[in-house]
Amino acid sequence: AEAHLNLALDESQQILERTFRDLLTRECPASHVRACEASGFSPALWQRYVELGAAAMGLPESVGGLGLGLVELGLVAAESGRALAPVPFA
């Protein structure tokens, strides 16, 4: 029997991707990126990331994190890169 790898995002992953894409479309236009060029950081945008749980995504629930996996972290990283978001998400 052949094994098939399912690369489709589940519903919660699609929502996560869309949430960050919508946030960055709204709050991180090229003009904002340019305005943050000297500091390389946007405190207001990072606060929105924190509010959405980005700072706790990869941490286990046992220490107060969300316990999400590499796919979810990758989705946020990809959306951040798409927008050149000046935030310390790594």
C-alpha atoms as a PDB file:
ATOM      1  CA  ALA A   1       0.000   0.000   0.000  1.00  0.00           C
ATOM      2  CA  GLU A   2       1.223   3.463  -0.881  1.00  0.00           C
ATOM      3  CA  ALA A   3       1.526   6.054   1.833  1.00  0.00           C
ATOM      4  CA  HIS A   4       0.324   9.526   0.901  1.00  0.00           C
ATOM      5  CA  LEU A   5       1.592  12.649   2.558  1.00  0.00           C
ATOM      6  CA  ASN A   6      -1.161  15.182   3.186  1.00  0.00           C
ATOM      7  CA  LEU A   7       0.282  18.688   2.875  1.00  0.00           C
ATOM      8  CA  ALA A   8      -3.046  20.500   3.171  1.00  0.00           C
ATOM      9  CA  LEU A   9      -3.462  22.886   6.082  1.00  0.00           C
ATOM     10  CA  ASP A  10      -6.171  22.031   8.579  1.00  0.00           C
ATOM     11  CA  GLU A  11      -8.845  24.581   9.441  1.00  0.00           C
ATOM     12  CA  SER A  12      -7.045  26.027  12.474  1.00  0.00           C
ATOM     13  CA  GLN A  13      -3.834  26.421  10.460  1.00  0.00           C
ATOM     14  CA  GLN A  14      -5.738  28.182   7.672  1.00  0.00           C
ATOM     15  CA  ILE A  15      -7.278  30.551  10.236  1.00  0.00           C
ATOM     16  CA  LEU A  16      -3.855  31.277  11.740  1.00  0.00           C
ATOM     17  CA  GLU A  17      -2.368  32.011   8.321  1.00  0.00           C
ATOM     18  CA  ARG A  18      -5.290  34.248   7.343  1.00  0.00           C
ATOM     19  CA  THR A  19      -5.212  36.072  10.703  1.00  0.00           C
ATOM     20  CA  PHE A  20      -1.562  37.058  10.312  1.00  0.00           C
ATOM     21  CA  ARG A  21      -1.928  37.840   6.599  1.00  0.00           C
ATOM     22  CA  ASP A  22      -4.879  40.144   7.350  1.00  0.00           C
ATOM     23  CA  LEU A  23      -3.043  41.775  10.282  1.00  0.00           C
ATOM     24  CA  LEU A  24       0.050  42.448   8.216  1.00  0.00           C
ATOM     25  CA  THR A  25      -1.917  43.685   5.211  1.00  0.00           C
ATOM     26  CA  ARG A  26      -3.672  46.174   7.495  1.00  0.00           C
ATOM     27  CA  GLU A  27      -0.896  47.208   9.859  1.00  0.00           C
ATOM     28  CA  CYS A  28       2.366  46.644   7.997  1.00  0.00           C
ATOM     29  CA  PRO A  29       2.326  48.417   4.630  1.00  0.00           C
ATOM     30  CA  ALA A  30       5.659  49.190   2.963  1.00  0.00           C
ATOM     31  CA  SER A  31       5.521  52.703   4.436  1.00  0.00           C
ATOM     32  CA  HIS A  32       5.498  51.228   7.960  1.00  0.00           C
ATOM     33  CA  VAL A  33       8.417  48.940   7.150  1.00  0.00           C
ATOM     34  CA  ARG A  34      10.386  51.926   5.819  1.00  0.00           C
ATOM     35  CA  ALA A  35       9.538  53.991   8.914  1.00  0.00           C
ATOM     36  CA  CYS A  36      10.996  51.219  11.097  1.00  0.00           C
ATOM     37  CA  GLU A  37      14.115  50.779   8.981  1.00  0.00           C
ATOM     38  CA  ALA A  38      16.482  52.558  11.386  1.00  0.00           C
ATOM     39  CA  SER A  39      15.376  50.606  14.460  1.00  0.00           C
ATOM     40  CA  GLY A  40      14.346  47.426  12.654  1.00  0.00           C
ATOM     41  CA  PHE A  41      11.529  47.052  15.143  1.00  0.00           C
ATOM     42  CA  SER A  42       7.862  48.005  15.473  1.00  0.00           C
ATOM     43  CA  PRO A  43       6.724  47.881  19.117  1.00  0.00           C
ATOM     44  CA  ALA A  44       3.074  48.383  18.150  1.00  0.00           C
ATOM     45  CA  LEU A  45       3.123  45.558  15.606  1.00  0.00           C
ATOM     46  CA  TRP A  46       4.990  43.261  18.003  1.00  0.00           C
ATOM     47  CA  GLN A  47       2.299  43.969  20.634  1.00  0.00           C
ATOM     48  CA  ARG A  48      -0.316  42.717  18.146  1.00  0.00           C
ATOM     49  CA  TYR A  49       1.763  39.552  17.631  1.00  0.00           C
ATOM     50  CA  VAL A  50       1.900  39.027  21.392  1.00  0.00           C
ATOM     51  CA  GLU A  51      -1.866  39.562  21.672  1.00  0.00           C
ATOM     52  CA  LEU A  52      -2.366  36.900  18.987  1.00  0.00           C
ATOM     53  CA  GLY A  53      -0.145  34.446  20.875  1.00  0.00           C
ATOM     54  CA  ALA A  54       2.874  34.503  18.558  1.00  0.00           C
ATOM     55  CA  ALA A  55       5.371  34.874  21.407  1.00  0.00           C
ATOM     56  CA  ALA A  56       4.052  31.700  23.073  1.00  0.00           C
ATOM     57  CA  MET A  57       3.383  29.537  20.031  1.00  0.00           C
ATOM     58  CA  GLY A  58       6.378  27.238  20.199  1.00  0.00           C
ATOM     59  CA  LEU A  59       6.506  26.954  23.978  1.00  0.00           C
ATOM     60  CA  PRO A  60       4.949  23.907  25.654  1.00  0.00           C
ATOM     61  CA  GLU A  61       1.658  24.362  27.469  1.00  0.00           C
ATOM     62  CA  SER A  62       3.360  23.205  30.699  1.00  0.00           C
ATOM     63  CA  VAL A  63       5.218  26.549  30.829  1.00  0.00           C
ATOM     64  CA  GLY A  64       2.312  28.710  29.685  1.00  0.00           C
ATOM     65  CA  GLY A  65       2.849  28.398  25.946  1.00  0.00           C
ATOM     66  CA  LEU A  66       0.449  27.336  23.236  1.00  0.00           C
ATOM     67  CA  GLY A  67       2.293  24.123  22.359  1.00  0.00           C
ATOM     68  CA  LEU A  68       1.944  24.608  18.612  1.00  0.00           C
ATOM     69  CA  GLY A  69       4.226  22.931  16.114  1.00  0.00           C
ATOM     70  CA  LEU A  70       6.611  23.810  13.343  1.00  0.00           C
ATOM     71  CA  VAL A  71       3.847  24.158  10.760  1.00  0.00           C
ATOM     72  CA  GLU A  72       2.151  26.913  12.745  1.00  0.00           C
ATOM     73  CA  LEU A  73       5.464  28.648  13.466  1.00  0.00           C
ATOM     74  CA  GLY A  74       6.328  28.374   9.779  1.00  0.00           C
ATOM     75  CA  LEU A  75       3.034  29.918   8.727  1.00  0.00           C
ATOM     76  CA  VAL A  76       3.603  32.969  10.929  1.00  0.00           C
ATOM     77  CA  ALA A  77       7.228  33.212   9.792  1.00  0.00           C
ATOM     78  CA  ALA A  78       6.161  33.032   6.139  1.00  0.00           C
ATOM     79  CA  GLU A  79       3.543  35.755   6.554  1.00  0.00           C
ATOM     80  CA  SER A  80       6.041  37.883   8.489  1.00  0.00           C
ATOM     81  CA  GLY A  81       8.582  37.477   5.710  1.00  0.00           C
ATOM     82  CA  ARG A  82       6.005  38.248   3.031  1.00  0.00           C
ATOM     83  CA  ALA A  83       5.348  41.604   4.718  1.00  0.00           C
ATOM     84  CA  LEU A  84       8.967  42.231   5.835  1.00  0.00           C
ATOM     85  CA  ALA A  85       7.441  42.684   9.278  1.00  0.00           C
ATOM     86  CA  PRO A  86       9.819  44.528  11.623  1.00  0.00           C
ATOM     87  CA  VAL A  87       9.208  42.232  14.599  1.00  0.00           C
ATOM     88  CA  PRO A  88      11.488  39.909  16.602  1.00  0.00           C
ATOM     89  CA  PHE A  89       9.629  36.740  15.630  1.00  0.00           C
ATOM     90  CA  ALA A  90      12.186  33.972  15.231  1.00  0.00           C
END
